[in-house]
Amino acid sequence: MYWFTVPEDRRRSCLFRESCSKYVYRITGERSFIEGIRAIKNRFKVCRAEHTLTSENGGITLHLCNGTQIQEEDIAINLVVSMKPMDEV
């Protein structure tokens, strides 16, 4: 429903490489509607809260407010690019 009601240019950018809406859609299809609801609740808890990006051991890590660490391959491209030196982009 989100994809039909919110124009693409008005959507927030996501912290995750797989956007929250796509993640919830996938989980709902693979598991169940109830698991999809749980997935969106968990994503919303950490999505817009405090987070930090660090560059460690040649990679980038996203630290979420609940202590979860997300590795570079799962971080949204726009955040990764913002952390990389211009010669690496």
Protein backbone atom coordinates (compact mmCIF):
# COMPACT_ATOMS: atom_id res chain seq x y z
CA MET A 1 0.00 0.00 0.00
CA TYR A 2 2.90 2.36 0.79
CA TRP A 3 4.22 2.10 -2.77
CA PHE A 4 0.84 3.19 -4.16
CA THR A 5 0.11 6.00 -1.71
CA VAL A 6 3.47 7.76 -1.35
CA PRO A 7 5.11 9.06 -4.55
CA GLU A 8 8.67 7.81 -4.99
CA ASP A 9 10.15 11.32 -4.84
CA ARG A 10 8.45 11.92 -1.45
CA ARG A 11 9.71 8.77 0.28
CA ARG A 12 12.44 8.94 2.91
CA SER A 13 15.76 7.41 2.10
CA CYS A 14 16.42 4.21 4.01
CA LEU A 15 19.41 3.30 6.15
CA PHE A 16 19.33 -0.23 4.79
CA ARG A 17 20.27 -1.44 1.32
CA GLU A 18 16.99 -3.38 1.17
CA SER A 19 14.42 -0.68 1.92
CA CYS A 20 12.02 -1.21 4.81
CA SER A 21 9.02 -1.58 2.52
CA LYS A 22 10.78 -4.16 0.32
CA TYR A 23 12.07 -6.00 3.39
CA VAL A 24 8.61 -6.23 4.93
CA TYR A 25 7.09 -7.29 1.60
CA ARG A 26 9.69 -10.08 1.30
CA ILE A 27 9.28 -11.28 4.90
CA THR A 28 5.48 -11.28 4.58
CA GLY A 29 5.66 -13.34 1.39
CA GLU A 30 8.26 -15.78 2.71
CA ARG A 31 6.83 -16.25 6.20
CA SER A 32 3.46 -14.73 7.08
CA PHE A 33 1.49 -11.52 7.56
CA ILE A 34 2.19 -11.61 11.32
CA GLU A 35 5.95 -11.93 10.69
CA GLY A 36 5.70 -8.99 8.28
CA ILE A 37 4.10 -6.87 11.02
CA ARG A 38 6.89 -7.86 13.42
CA ALA A 39 9.50 -7.02 10.78
CA ILE A 40 8.16 -3.50 10.22
CA LYS A 41 7.90 -2.86 13.96
CA ASN A 42 11.52 -3.90 14.43
CA ARG A 43 12.73 -1.79 11.50
CA PHE A 44 10.83 1.29 12.70
CA LYS A 45 12.39 0.98 16.15
CA VAL A 46 15.88 1.45 14.74
CA CYS A 47 15.33 3.20 11.42
CA ARG A 48 15.13 6.87 12.40
CA ALA A 49 16.63 6.72 15.86
CA GLU A 50 20.22 7.65 16.63
CA HIS A 51 22.80 5.88 14.50
CA THR A 52 26.45 6.33 13.64
CA LEU A 53 28.65 5.30 10.75
CA THR A 54 32.22 4.25 11.34
CA SER A 55 35.02 3.23 9.04
CA GLU A 56 36.70 0.15 10.48
CA ASN A 57 39.17 -2.33 8.99
CA GLY A 58 38.69 -0.98 5.48
CA GLY A 59 34.89 -1.26 5.65
CA ILE A 60 31.98 0.80 6.90
CA THR A 61 29.75 -0.21 9.80
CA LEU A 62 26.38 1.29 10.71
CA HIS A 63 25.75 1.24 14.48
CA LEU A 64 22.04 1.35 15.37
CA CYS A 65 20.54 2.62 18.61
CA ASN A 66 19.79 -0.88 19.89
CA GLY A 67 23.44 -1.99 19.53
CA THR A 68 22.97 -3.78 16.21
CA GLN A 69 25.85 -3.39 13.78
CA ILE A 70 25.11 -3.45 10.07
CA GLN A 71 27.98 -4.20 7.68
CA GLU A 72 28.69 -2.24 4.51
CA GLU A 73 26.97 -4.67 2.12
CA ASP A 74 23.64 -4.09 3.91
CA ILE A 75 23.92 -0.30 4.32
CA ALA A 76 22.13 2.00 1.86
CA ILE A 77 24.39 3.03 -1.01
CA ASN A 78 23.91 6.77 -0.34
CA LEU A 79 25.32 6.36 3.19
CA VAL A 80 28.26 4.26 2.01
CA VAL A 81 29.14 6.83 -0.65
CA SER A 82 29.05 9.62 1.92
CA MET A 83 31.73 7.83 3.96
CA LYS A 84 34.07 6.86 1.11
CA PRO A 85 36.88 9.14 -0.05
CA MET A 86 36.15 10.60 -3.49
CA ASP A 87 38.84 8.47 -5.18
CA GLU A 88 37.05 5.28 -4.03
CA VAL A 89 33.55 6.25 -5.26
